[in-house]
Full PDB file with SEQRES, HELIX, SHEET, SSBOND, CRYST1, ORIGX, SCALE, CONECT and MASTER records, all heavy atoms in Angstrom:
SEQRES   1 A   41  ALA SER GLY LEU THR HIS GLY GLU VAL GLY GLU LEU GLY          
SEQRES   2 A   41  ASP LEU ILE ARG GLN LEU ARG ASP ARG PHE ASP LEU THR          
SEQRES   3 A   41  VAL LEU LEU VAL GLU HIS HIS MET ASN MET VAL MET SER          
SEQRES   4 A   41  ILE SER                                                      
HELIX    1 AA1 HIS A    6  PHE A   23  1                                  18    
HELIX    2 AA2 MET A   34  ILE A   40  1                                   7    
CRYST1    1.000    1.000    1.000  90.00  90.00  90.00 P 1           1          
ORIGX1      1.000000  0.000000  0.000000        0.00000                         
ORIGX2      0.000000  1.000000  0.000000        0.00000                         
ORIGX3      0.000000  0.000000  1.000000        0.00000                         
SCALE1      1.000000  0.000000  0.000000        0.00000                         
SCALE2      0.000000  1.000000  0.000000        0.00000                         
SCALE3      0.000000  0.000000  1.000000        0.00000                         
ATOM      1  N   ALA A   1       5.589  -1.476  -4.467  1.00  0.00           N  
ATOM      2  CA  ALA A   1       4.838  -2.479  -5.237  1.00  0.00           C  
ATOM      3  C   ALA A   1       5.539  -2.850  -6.553  1.00  0.00           C  
ATOM      4  O   ALA A   1       5.051  -3.715  -7.304  1.00  0.00           O  
ATOM      5  CB  ALA A   1       3.434  -1.984  -5.548  1.00  0.00           C  
ATOM      6  N   SER A   2       6.680  -2.239  -6.840  1.00  0.00           N  
ATOM      7  CA  SER A   2       7.352  -2.530  -8.110  1.00  0.00           C  
ATOM      8  C   SER A   2       7.814  -3.984  -8.132  1.00  0.00           C  
ATOM      9  O   SER A   2       8.338  -4.514  -7.169  1.00  0.00           O  
ATOM     10  CB  SER A   2       8.575  -1.604  -8.307  1.00  0.00           C  
ATOM     11  OG  SER A   2       9.548  -1.872  -7.322  1.00  0.00           O  
ATOM     12  N   GLY A   3       7.545  -4.657  -9.239  1.00  0.00           N  
ATOM     13  CA  GLY A   3       7.950  -6.051  -9.391  1.00  0.00           C  
ATOM     14  C   GLY A   3       7.007  -7.054  -8.775  1.00  0.00           C  
ATOM     15  O   GLY A   3       7.262  -8.257  -8.850  1.00  0.00           O  
ATOM     16  N   LEU A   4       5.933  -6.596  -8.139  1.00  0.00           N  
ATOM     17  CA  LEU A   4       4.976  -7.511  -7.512  1.00  0.00           C  
ATOM     18  C   LEU A   4       3.882  -7.936  -8.475  1.00  0.00           C  
ATOM     19  O   LEU A   4       3.564  -7.215  -9.418  1.00  0.00           O  
ATOM     20  CB  LEU A   4       4.343  -6.854  -6.283  1.00  0.00           C  
ATOM     21  CG  LEU A   4       5.295  -6.373  -5.160  1.00  0.00           C  
ATOM     22  CD1 LEU A   4       4.483  -5.885  -3.977  1.00  0.00           C  
ATOM     23  CD2 LEU A   4       6.281  -7.463  -4.749  1.00  0.00           C  
ATOM     24  N   THR A   5       3.279  -9.080  -8.218  1.00  0.00           N  
ATOM     25  CA  THR A   5       2.149  -9.525  -9.023  1.00  0.00           C  
ATOM     26  C   THR A   5       0.913  -8.708  -8.614  1.00  0.00           C  
ATOM     27  O   THR A   5       0.903  -8.021  -7.587  1.00  0.00           O  
ATOM     28  CB  THR A   5       1.851 -11.007  -8.794  1.00  0.00           C  
ATOM     29  OG1 THR A   5       1.432 -11.178  -7.448  1.00  0.00           O  
ATOM     30  CG2 THR A   5       3.134 -11.823  -9.055  1.00  0.00           C  
ATOM     31  N   HIS A   6      -0.131  -8.832  -9.424  1.00  0.00           N  
ATOM     32  CA  HIS A   6      -1.376  -8.098  -9.157  1.00  0.00           C  
ATOM     33  C   HIS A   6      -1.923  -8.463  -7.780  1.00  0.00           C  
ATOM     34  O   HIS A   6      -2.315  -7.601  -6.993  1.00  0.00           O  
ATOM     35  CB  HIS A   6      -2.428  -8.393 -10.227  1.00  0.00           C  
ATOM     36  CG  HIS A   6      -3.739  -7.721 -10.000  1.00  0.00           C  
ATOM     37  ND1 HIS A   6      -3.930  -6.388 -10.236  1.00  0.00           N  
ATOM     38  CD2 HIS A   6      -4.927  -8.234  -9.549  1.00  0.00           C  
ATOM     39  CE1 HIS A   6      -5.196  -6.061  -9.932  1.00  0.00           C  
ATOM     40  NE2 HIS A   6      -5.799  -7.159  -9.531  1.00  0.00           N  
ATOM     41  N   GLY A   7      -1.896  -9.743  -7.455  1.00  0.00           N  
ATOM     42  CA  GLY A   7      -2.367 -10.178  -6.138  1.00  0.00           C  
ATOM     43  C   GLY A   7      -1.521  -9.667  -5.017  1.00  0.00           C  
ATOM     44  O   GLY A   7      -2.051  -9.271  -3.961  1.00  0.00           O  
ATOM     45  N   GLU A   8      -0.205  -9.649  -5.201  1.00  0.00           N  
ATOM     46  CA  GLU A   8       0.701  -9.152  -4.183  1.00  0.00           C  
ATOM     47  C   GLU A   8       0.518  -7.659  -3.940  1.00  0.00           C  
ATOM     48  O   GLU A   8       0.646  -7.168  -2.813  1.00  0.00           O  
ATOM     49  CB  GLU A   8       2.149  -9.443  -4.563  1.00  0.00           C  
ATOM     50  CG  GLU A   8       2.541 -10.916  -4.505  1.00  0.00           C  
ATOM     51  CD  GLU A   8       3.916 -11.187  -5.043  1.00  0.00           C  
ATOM     52  OE1 GLU A   8       4.387 -10.436  -5.938  1.00  0.00           O  
ATOM     53  OE2 GLU A   8       4.558 -12.170  -4.599  1.00  0.00           O  
ATOM     54  N   VAL A   9       0.213  -6.921  -5.018  1.00  0.00           N  
ATOM     55  CA  VAL A   9      -0.027  -5.472  -4.864  1.00  0.00           C  
ATOM     56  C   VAL A   9      -1.231  -5.231  -3.986  1.00  0.00           C  
ATOM     57  O   VAL A   9      -1.224  -4.341  -3.100  1.00  0.00           O  
ATOM     58  CB  VAL A   9      -0.210  -4.801  -6.264  1.00  0.00           C  
ATOM     59  CG1 VAL A   9      -0.672  -3.342  -6.082  1.00  0.00           C  
ATOM     60  CG2 VAL A   9       1.083  -4.842  -7.049  1.00  0.00           C  
ATOM     61  N   GLY A  10      -2.296  -5.987  -4.199  1.00  0.00           N  
ATOM     62  CA  GLY A  10      -3.488  -5.830  -3.353  1.00  0.00           C  
ATOM     63  C   GLY A  10      -3.210  -6.147  -1.899  1.00  0.00           C  
ATOM     64  O   GLY A  10      -3.642  -5.436  -0.994  1.00  0.00           O  
ATOM     65  N   GLU A  11      -2.449  -7.213  -1.647  1.00  0.00           N  
ATOM     66  CA  GLU A  11      -2.063  -7.567  -0.267  1.00  0.00           C  
ATOM     67  C   GLU A  11      -1.227  -6.480   0.349  1.00  0.00           C  
ATOM     68  O   GLU A  11      -1.366  -6.183   1.552  1.00  0.00           O  
ATOM     69  CB  GLU A  11      -1.340  -8.899  -0.269  1.00  0.00           C  
ATOM     70  CG  GLU A  11      -2.184 -10.092  -0.648  1.00  0.00           C  
ATOM     71  CD  GLU A  11      -1.369 -11.380  -0.773  1.00  0.00           C  
ATOM     72  OE1 GLU A  11      -0.139 -11.280  -0.566  1.00  0.00           O  
ATOM     73  OE2 GLU A  11      -1.955 -12.427  -1.049  1.00  0.00           O  
ATOM     74  N   LEU A  12      -0.322  -5.908  -0.446  1.00  0.00           N  
ATOM     75  CA  LEU A  12       0.555  -4.869   0.070  1.00  0.00           C  
ATOM     76  C   LEU A  12      -0.241  -3.641   0.511  1.00  0.00           C  
ATOM     77  O   LEU A  12       0.035  -3.029   1.551  1.00  0.00           O  
ATOM     78  CB  LEU A  12       1.595  -4.473  -0.971  1.00  0.00           C  
ATOM     79  CG  LEU A  12       2.533  -3.313  -0.580  1.00  0.00           C  
ATOM     80  CD1 LEU A  12       3.413  -3.719   0.615  1.00  0.00           C  
ATOM     81  CD2 LEU A  12       3.410  -2.915  -1.770  1.00  0.00           C  
ATOM     82  N   GLY A  13      -1.221  -3.252  -0.283  1.00  0.00           N  
ATOM     83  CA  GLY A  13      -2.045  -2.091   0.114  1.00  0.00           C  
ATOM     84  C   GLY A  13      -2.739  -2.320   1.436  1.00  0.00           C  
ATOM     85  O   GLY A  13      -2.766  -1.440   2.297  1.00  0.00           O  
ATOM     86  N   ASP A  14      -3.304  -3.517   1.610  1.00  0.00           N  
ATOM     87  CA  ASP A  14      -3.955  -3.831   2.891  1.00  0.00           C  
ATOM     88  C   ASP A  14      -2.951  -3.816   4.013  1.00  0.00           C  
ATOM     89  O   ASP A  14      -3.238  -3.318   5.128  1.00  0.00           O  
ATOM     90  CB  ASP A  14      -4.613  -5.237   2.811  1.00  0.00           C  
ATOM     91  CG  ASP A  14      -5.778  -5.273   1.867  1.00  0.00           C  
ATOM     92  OD1 ASP A  14      -6.352  -4.210   1.573  1.00  0.00           O  
ATOM     93  OD2 ASP A  14      -6.147  -6.403   1.410  1.00  0.00           O  
ATOM     94  N   LEU A  15      -1.741  -4.339   3.773  1.00  0.00           N  
ATOM     95  CA  LEU A  15      -0.704  -4.389   4.793  1.00  0.00           C  
ATOM     96  C   LEU A  15      -0.271  -2.995   5.215  1.00  0.00           C  
ATOM     97  O   LEU A  15      -0.088  -2.719   6.410  1.00  0.00           O  
ATOM     98  CB  LEU A  15       0.497  -5.155   4.277  1.00  0.00           C  
ATOM     99  CG  LEU A  15       1.721  -5.258   5.205  1.00  0.00           C  
ATOM    100  CD1 LEU A  15       1.346  -5.977   6.494  1.00  0.00           C  
ATOM    101  CD2 LEU A  15       2.891  -5.949   4.496  1.00  0.00           C  
ATOM    102  N   ILE A  16      -0.119  -2.082   4.278  1.00  0.00           N  
ATOM    103  CA  ILE A  16       0.314  -0.699   4.584  1.00  0.00           C  
ATOM    104  C   ILE A  16      -0.720  -0.039   5.502  1.00  0.00           C  
ATOM    105  O   ILE A  16      -0.366   0.637   6.493  1.00  0.00           O  
ATOM    106  CB  ILE A  16       0.530   0.124   3.305  1.00  0.00           C  
ATOM    107  CG1 ILE A  16       1.759  -0.388   2.565  1.00  0.00           C  
ATOM    108  CG2 ILE A  16       0.705   1.595   3.642  1.00  0.00           C  
ATOM    109  CD1 ILE A  16       1.939   0.210   1.198  1.00  0.00           C  
ATOM    110  N   ARG A  17      -1.994  -0.231   5.201  1.00  0.00           N  
ATOM    111  CA  ARG A  17      -3.032   0.341   6.072  1.00  0.00           C  
ATOM    112  C   ARG A  17      -3.006  -0.274   7.471  1.00  0.00           C  
ATOM    113  O   ARG A  17      -3.139   0.428   8.486  1.00  0.00           O  
ATOM    114  CB  ARG A  17      -4.402   0.136   5.455  1.00  0.00           C  
ATOM    115  CG  ARG A  17      -4.758   1.197   4.407  1.00  0.00           C  
ATOM    116  CD  ARG A  17      -6.170   1.050   3.938  1.00  0.00           C  
ATOM    117  NE  ARG A  17      -6.425  -0.230   3.288  1.00  0.00           N  
ATOM    118  CZ  ARG A  17      -7.220  -0.388   2.244  1.00  0.00           C  
ATOM    119  NH1 ARG A  17      -7.821   0.631   1.718  1.00  0.00           N  
ATOM    120  NH2 ARG A  17      -7.399  -1.595   1.715  1.00  0.00           N  
ATOM    121  N   GLN A  18      -2.828  -1.585   7.529  1.00  0.00           N  
ATOM    122  CA  GLN A  18      -2.789  -2.244   8.824  1.00  0.00           C  
ATOM    123  C   GLN A  18      -1.593  -1.790   9.656  1.00  0.00           C  
ATOM    124  O   GLN A  18      -1.718  -1.545  10.860  1.00  0.00           O  
ATOM    125  CB  GLN A  18      -2.695  -3.779   8.619  1.00  0.00           C  
ATOM    126  CG  GLN A  18      -3.969  -4.393   8.046  1.00  0.00           C  
ATOM    127  CD  GLN A  18      -3.766  -5.798   7.522  1.00  0.00           C  
ATOM    128  OE1 GLN A  18      -2.717  -6.400   7.809  1.00  0.00           O  
ATOM    129  NE2 GLN A  18      -4.703  -6.319   6.791  1.00  0.00           N  
ATOM    130  N   LEU A  19      -0.432  -1.635   9.047  1.00  0.00           N  
ATOM    131  CA  LEU A  19       0.743  -1.201   9.752  1.00  0.00           C  
ATOM    132  C   LEU A  19       0.590   0.258  10.222  1.00  0.00           C  
ATOM    133  O   LEU A  19       1.010   0.620  11.315  1.00  0.00           O  
ATOM    134  CB  LEU A  19       1.993  -1.337   8.880  1.00  0.00           C  
ATOM    135  CG  LEU A  19       2.391  -2.751   8.518  1.00  0.00           C  
ATOM    136  CD1 LEU A  19       3.528  -2.773   7.514  1.00  0.00           C  
ATOM    137  CD2 LEU A  19       2.815  -3.538   9.756  1.00  0.00           C  
ATOM    138  N   ARG A  20      -0.017   1.094   9.383  1.00  0.00           N  
ATOM    139  CA  ARG A  20      -0.259   2.493   9.773  1.00  0.00           C  
ATOM    140  C   ARG A  20      -1.101   2.546  11.038  1.00  0.00           C  
ATOM    141  O   ARG A  20      -0.810   3.288  11.991  1.00  0.00           O  
ATOM    142  CB  ARG A  20      -0.968   3.212   8.609  1.00  0.00           C  
ATOM    143  CG  ARG A  20      -1.178   4.734   8.844  1.00  0.00           C  
ATOM    144  CD  ARG A  20      -2.475   5.054   9.536  1.00  0.00           C  
ATOM    145  NE  ARG A  20      -3.628   4.525   8.867  1.00  0.00           N  
ATOM    146  CZ  ARG A  20      -4.324   5.217   7.940  1.00  0.00           C  
ATOM    147  NH1 ARG A  20      -3.969   6.421   7.613  1.00  0.00           N  
ATOM    148  NH2 ARG A  20      -5.430   4.661   7.394  1.00  0.00           N  
ATOM    149  N   ASP A  21      -2.162   1.740  11.078  1.00  0.00           N  
ATOM    150  CA  ASP A  21      -3.052   1.746  12.207  1.00  0.00           C  
ATOM    151  C   ASP A  21      -2.400   1.144  13.460  1.00  0.00           C  
ATOM    152  O   ASP A  21      -2.535   1.694  14.561  1.00  0.00           O  
ATOM    153  CB  ASP A  21      -4.361   1.015  11.891  1.00  0.00           C  
ATOM    154  CG  ASP A  21      -5.145   1.697  10.768  1.00  0.00           C  
ATOM    155  OD1 ASP A  21      -4.920   2.876  10.504  1.00  0.00           O  
ATOM    156  OD2 ASP A  21      -5.998   1.002  10.139  1.00  0.00           O  
ATOM    157  N   ARG A  22      -1.680   0.036  13.273  1.00  0.00           N  
ATOM    158  CA  ARG A  22      -1.105  -0.660  14.431  1.00  0.00           C  
ATOM    159  C   ARG A  22      -0.006   0.159  15.113  1.00  0.00           C  
ATOM    160  O   ARG A  22       0.078   0.193  16.328  1.00  0.00           O  
ATOM    161  CB  ARG A  22      -0.554  -2.004  13.981  1.00  0.00           C  
ATOM    162  CG  ARG A  22       0.033  -2.839  15.160  1.00  0.00           C  
ATOM    163  CD  ARG A  22       0.610  -4.137  14.715  1.00  0.00           C  
ATOM    164  NE  ARG A  22       1.151  -4.905  15.799  1.00  0.00           N  
ATOM    165  CZ  ARG A  22       0.505  -5.861  16.440  1.00  0.00           C  
ATOM    166  NH1 ARG A  22      -0.721  -6.166  16.074  1.00  0.00           N  
ATOM    167  NH2 ARG A  22       1.078  -6.534  17.435  1.00  0.00           N  
ATOM    168  N   PHE A  23       0.830   0.817  14.266  1.00  0.00           N  
ATOM    169  CA  PHE A  23       1.999   1.527  14.816  1.00  0.00           C  
ATOM    170  C   PHE A  23       1.822   3.046  14.854  1.00  0.00           C  
ATOM    171  O   PHE A  23       2.767   3.757  15.110  1.00  0.00           O  
ATOM    172  CB  PHE A  23       3.245   1.175  14.027  1.00  0.00           C  
ATOM    173  CG  PHE A  23       3.635  -0.277  14.145  1.00  0.00           C  
ATOM    174  CD1 PHE A  23       3.451  -1.157  13.100  1.00  0.00           C  
ATOM    175  CD2 PHE A  23       4.190  -0.769  15.310  1.00  0.00           C  
ATOM    176  CE1 PHE A  23       3.818  -2.508  13.212  1.00  0.00           C  
ATOM    177  CE2 PHE A  23       4.550  -2.094  15.435  1.00  0.00           C  
ATOM    178  CZ  PHE A  23       4.363  -2.967  14.393  1.00  0.00           C  
ATOM    179  N   ASP A  24       0.595   3.504  14.553  1.00  0.00           N  
ATOM    180  CA  ASP A  24       0.321   4.958  14.573  1.00  0.00           C  
ATOM    181  C   ASP A  24       1.308   5.688  13.676  1.00  0.00           C  
ATOM    182  O   ASP A  24       1.913   6.702  14.072  1.00  0.00           O  
ATOM    183  CB  ASP A  24       0.386   5.496  15.996  1.00  0.00           C  
ATOM    184  CG  ASP A  24      -0.252   6.854  16.149  1.00  0.00           C  
ATOM    185  OD1 ASP A  24      -1.081   7.212  15.295  1.00  0.00           O  
ATOM    186  OD2 ASP A  24       0.137   7.581  17.106  1.00  0.00           O  
ATOM    187  N   LEU A  25       1.459   5.216  12.438  1.00  0.00           N  
ATOM    188  CA  LEU A  25       2.440   5.760  11.527  1.00  0.00           C  
ATOM    189  C   LEU A  25       1.806   6.854  10.661  1.00  0.00           C  
ATOM    190  O   LEU A  25       0.592   6.919  10.453  1.00  0.00           O  
ATOM    191  CB  LEU A  25       2.917   4.659  10.589  1.00  0.00           C  
ATOM    192  CG  LEU A  25       3.742   3.515  11.163  1.00  0.00           C  
ATOM    193  CD1 LEU A  25       3.956   2.425  10.105  1.00  0.00           C  
ATOM    194  CD2 LEU A  25       5.085   4.008  11.670  1.00  0.00           C  
ATOM    195  N   THR A  26       2.693   7.667  10.117  1.00  0.00           N  
ATOM    196  CA  THR A  26       2.391   8.521   8.965  1.00  0.00           C  
ATOM    197  C   THR A  26       3.164   7.926   7.805  1.00  0.00           C  
ATOM    198  O   THR A  26       4.316   7.572   7.957  1.00  0.00           O  
ATOM    199  CB  THR A  26       2.802   9.969   9.223  1.00  0.00           C  
ATOM    200  OG1 THR A  26       2.117  10.448  10.394  1.00  0.00           O  
ATOM    201  CG2 THR A  26       2.449  10.843   8.044  1.00  0.00           C  
ATOM    202  N   VAL A  27       2.503   7.786   6.652  1.00  0.00           N  
ATOM    203  CA  VAL A  27       3.140   7.101   5.504  1.00  0.00           C  
ATOM    204  C   VAL A  27       3.224   8.065   4.330  1.00  0.00           C  
ATOM    205  O   VAL A  27       2.208   8.674   3.950  1.00  0.00           O  
ATOM    206  CB  VAL A  27       2.365   5.844   5.098  1.00  0.00           C  
ATOM    207  CG1 VAL A  27       3.005   5.168   3.873  1.00  0.00           C  
ATOM    208  CG2 VAL A  27       2.292   4.859   6.278  1.00  0.00           C  
ATOM    209  N   LEU A  28       4.408   8.165   3.768  1.00  0.00           N  
ATOM    210  CA  LEU A  28       4.596   8.892   2.503  1.00  0.00           C  
ATOM    211  C   LEU A  28       5.025   7.899   1.475  1.00  0.00           C  
ATOM    212  O   LEU A  28       6.050   7.208   1.618  1.00  0.00           O  
ATOM    213  CB  LEU A  28       5.678   9.990   2.680  1.00  0.00           C  
ATOM    214  CG  LEU A  28       5.892  10.913   1.480  1.00  0.00           C  
ATOM    215  CD1 LEU A  28       4.597  11.644   1.084  1.00  0.00           C  
ATOM    216  CD2 LEU A  28       6.982  11.941   1.796  1.00  0.00           C  
ATOM    217  N   LEU A  29       4.233   7.765   0.424  1.00  0.00           N  
ATOM    218  CA  LEU A  29       4.335   6.693  -0.543  1.00  0.00           C  
ATOM    219  C   LEU A  29       4.630   7.215  -1.939  1.00  0.00           C  
ATOM    220  O   LEU A  29       3.909   8.055  -2.458  1.00  0.00           O  
ATOM    221  CB  LEU A  29       2.995   5.927  -0.524  1.00  0.00           C  
ATOM    222  CG  LEU A  29       2.764   4.846  -1.581  1.00  0.00           C  
ATOM    223  CD1 LEU A  29       3.626   3.628  -1.308  1.00  0.00           C  
ATOM    224  CD2 LEU A  29       1.282   4.465  -1.588  1.00  0.00           C  
ATOM    225  N   VAL A  30       5.707   6.728  -2.530  1.00  0.00           N  
ATOM    226  CA  VAL A  30       5.975   6.946  -3.970  1.00  0.00           C  
ATOM    227  C   VAL A  30       5.619   5.642  -4.665  1.00  0.00           C  
ATOM    228  O   VAL A  30       6.136   4.579  -4.339  1.00  0.00           O  
ATOM    229  CB  VAL A  30       7.438   7.316  -4.213  1.00  0.00           C  
ATOM    230  CG1 VAL A  30       7.770   7.209  -5.708  1.00  0.00           C  
ATOM    231  CG2 VAL A  30       7.736   8.741  -3.720  1.00  0.00           C  
ATOM    232  N   GLU A  31       4.688   5.724  -5.638  1.00  0.00           N  
ATOM    233  CA  GLU A  31       4.207   4.474  -6.272  1.00  0.00           C  
ATOM    234  C   GLU A  31       3.609   4.773  -7.629  1.00  0.00           C  
ATOM    235  O   GLU A  31       3.010   5.829  -7.866  1.00  0.00           O  
ATOM    236  CB  GLU A  31       3.157   3.852  -5.357  1.00  0.00           C  
ATOM    237  CG  GLU A  31       2.712   2.473  -5.785  1.00  0.00           C  
ATOM    238  CD  GLU A  31       3.860   1.550  -6.074  1.00  0.00           C  
ATOM    239  OE1 GLU A  31       4.624   1.213  -5.134  1.00  0.00           O  
ATOM    240  OE2 GLU A  31       4.035   1.170  -7.264  1.00  0.00           O  
ATOM    241  N   HIS A  32       3.781   3.807  -8.560  1.00  0.00           N  
ATOM    242  CA  HIS A  32       3.209   3.908  -9.905  1.00  0.00           C  
ATOM    243  C   HIS A  32       1.952   3.074 -10.069  1.00  0.00           C  
ATOM    244  O   HIS A  32       1.231   3.236 -11.041  1.00  0.00           O  
ATOM    245  CB  HIS A  32       4.251   3.455 -10.967  1.00  0.00           C  
ATOM    246  CG  HIS A  32       5.343   4.442 -11.158  1.00  0.00           C  
ATOM    247  ND1 HIS A  32       5.158   5.668 -11.767  1.00  0.00           N  
ATOM    248  CD2 HIS A  32       6.644   4.402 -10.818  1.00  0.00           C  
ATOM    249  CE1 HIS A  32       6.293   6.322 -11.820  1.00  0.00           C  
ATOM    250  NE2 HIS A  32       7.215   5.595 -11.256  1.00  0.00           N  
ATOM    251  N   HIS A  33       1.652   2.164  -9.140  1.00  0.00           N  
ATOM    252  CA  HIS A  33       0.440   1.363  -9.216  1.00  0.00           C  
ATOM    253  C   HIS A  33      -0.747   2.217  -8.710  1.00  0.00           C  
ATOM    254  O   HIS A  33      -1.017   2.355  -7.521  1.00  0.00           O  
ATOM    255  CB  HIS A  33       0.570   0.107  -8.350  1.00  0.00           C  
ATOM    256  CG  HIS A  33       1.420  -0.928  -8.975  1.00  0.00           C  
ATOM    257  ND1 HIS A  33       0.915  -1.972  -9.728  1.00  0.00           N  
ATOM    258  CD2 HIS A  33       2.759  -1.087  -8.989  1.00  0.00           C  
ATOM    259  CE1 HIS A  33       1.894  -2.735 -10.158  1.00  0.00           C  
ATOM    260  NE2 HIS A  33       3.028  -2.235  -9.712  1.00  0.00           N  
ATOM    261  N   MET A  34      -1.460   2.810  -9.694  1.00  0.00           N  
ATOM    262  CA  MET A  34      -2.488   3.773  -9.356  1.00  0.00           C  
ATOM    263  C   MET A  34      -3.664   3.175  -8.617  1.00  0.00           C  
ATOM    264  O   MET A  34      -4.295   3.827  -7.808  1.00  0.00           O  
ATOM    265  CB  MET A  34      -2.987   4.486 -10.625  1.00  0.00           C  
ATOM    266  CG  MET A  34      -1.971   5.474 -11.192  1.00  0.00           C  
ATOM    267  SD  MET A  34      -1.553   6.799 -10.018  1.00  0.00           S  
ATOM    268  CE  MET A  34       0.011   6.220  -9.369  1.00  0.00           C  
ATOM    269  N   ASN A  35      -3.988   1.923  -8.897  1.00  0.00           N  
ATOM    270  CA  ASN A  35      -5.109   1.297  -8.167  1.00  0.00           C  
ATOM    271  C   ASN A  35      -4.823   1.266  -6.670  1.00  0.00           C  
ATOM    272  O   ASN A  35      -5.698   1.580  -5.831  1.00  0.00           O  
ATOM    273  CB  ASN A  35      -5.386  -0.106  -8.692  1.00  0.00           C  
ATOM    274  CG  ASN A  35      -6.067  -0.107 -10.044  1.00  0.00           C  
ATOM    275  OD1 ASN A  35      -6.643   0.895 -10.446  1.00  0.00           O  
ATOM    276  ND2 ASN A  35      -5.966  -1.222 -10.758  1.00  0.00           N  
ATOM    277  N   MET A  36      -3.574   0.874  -6.311  1.00  0.00           N  
ATOM    278  CA  MET A  36      -3.233   0.866  -4.887  1.00  0.00           C  
ATOM    279  C   MET A  36      -3.193   2.271  -4.312  1.00  0.00           C  
ATOM    280  O   MET A  36      -3.690   2.525  -3.199  1.00  0.00           O  
ATOM    281  CB  MET A  36      -1.865   0.182  -4.676  1.00  0.00           C  
ATOM    282  CG  MET A  36      -1.543  -0.061  -3.210  1.00  0.00           C  
ATOM    283  SD  MET A  36       0.020  -0.888  -2.924  1.00  0.00           S  
ATOM    284  CE  MET A  36       1.133   0.510  -2.998  1.00  0.00           C  
ATOM    285  N   VAL A  37      -2.601   3.192  -5.068  1.00  0.00           N  
ATOM    286  CA  VAL A  37      -2.522   4.571  -4.590  1.00  0.00           C  
ATOM    287  C   VAL A  37      -3.910   5.141  -4.315  1.00  0.00           C  
ATOM    288  O   VAL A  37      -4.159   5.732  -3.247  1.00  0.00           O  
ATOM    289  CB  VAL A  37      -1.795   5.484  -5.631  1.00  0.00           C  
ATOM    290  CG1 VAL A  37      -1.996   6.940  -5.337  1.00  0.00           C  
ATOM    291  CG2 VAL A  37      -0.328   5.153  -5.692  1.00  0.00           C  
ATOM    292  N   MET A  38      -4.819   4.943  -5.222  1.00  0.00           N  
ATOM    293  CA  MET A  38      -6.170   5.500  -5.074  1.00  0.00           C  
ATOM    294  C   MET A  38      -6.945   4.825  -3.942  1.00  0.00           C  
ATOM    295  O   MET A  38      -7.816   5.440  -3.325  1.00  0.00           O  
ATOM    296  CB  MET A  38      -6.964   5.368  -6.388  1.00  0.00           C  
ATOM    297  CG  MET A  38      -6.414   6.207  -7.518  1.00  0.00           C  
ATOM    298  SD  MET A  38      -6.593   7.979  -7.169  1.00  0.00           S  
ATOM    299  CE  MET A  38      -5.733   8.693  -8.580  1.00  0.00           C  
ATOM    300  N   SER A  39      -6.633   3.562  -3.676  1.00  0.00           N  
ATOM    301  CA  SER A  39      -7.425   2.844  -2.668  1.00  0.00           C  
ATOM    302  C   SER A  39      -6.953   3.079  -1.230  1.00  0.00           C  
ATOM    303  O   SER A  39      -7.747   2.905  -0.306  1.00  0.00           O  
ATOM    304  CB  SER A  39      -7.392   1.325  -2.973  1.00  0.00           C  
ATOM    305  OG  SER A  39      -6.084   0.807  -2.816  1.00  0.00           O  
ATOM    306  N   ILE A  40      -5.662   3.430  -1.025  1.00  0.00           N  
ATOM    307  CA  ILE A  40      -5.186   3.565   0.351  1.00  0.00           C  
ATOM    308  C   ILE A  40      -4.817   4.982   0.759  1.00  0.00           C  
ATOM    309  O   ILE A  40      -4.635   5.242   1.954  1.00  0.00           O  
ATOM    310  CB  ILE A  40      -3.988   2.628   0.631  1.00  0.00           C  
ATOM    311  CG1 ILE A  40      -2.707   3.125  -0.115  1.00  0.00           C  
ATOM    312  CG2 ILE A  40      -4.294   1.197   0.221  1.00  0.00           C  
ATOM    313  CD1 ILE A  40      -1.441   2.374   0.301  1.00  0.00           C  
ATOM    314  N   SER A  41      -4.711   5.901  -0.184  1.00  0.00           N  
ATOM    315  CA  SER A  41      -4.235   7.239   0.136  1.00  0.00           C  
ATOM    316  C   SER A  41      -5.343   8.171   0.609  1.00  0.00           C  
ATOM    317  O   SER A  41      -6.431   8.147   0.045  1.00  0.00           O  
ATOM    318  CB  SER A  41      -3.519   7.892  -1.053  1.00  0.00           C  
ATOM    319  OG  SER A  41      -2.467   7.079  -1.517  1.00  0.00           O  
TER     320      SER A  41                                                      
MASTER        0    0    0    2    0    0    0    6  319    1    0    4          
END                                                                             
């Protein structure tokens, strides 16, 4: 999420969850945007 706008960060969080579910992924995330971290982890 570095360098993204507030709106793009929200879209990215939704996208990460969608990709996890679609591809049966495990995700390890390093991130400083705490709102996104708290909402998807």
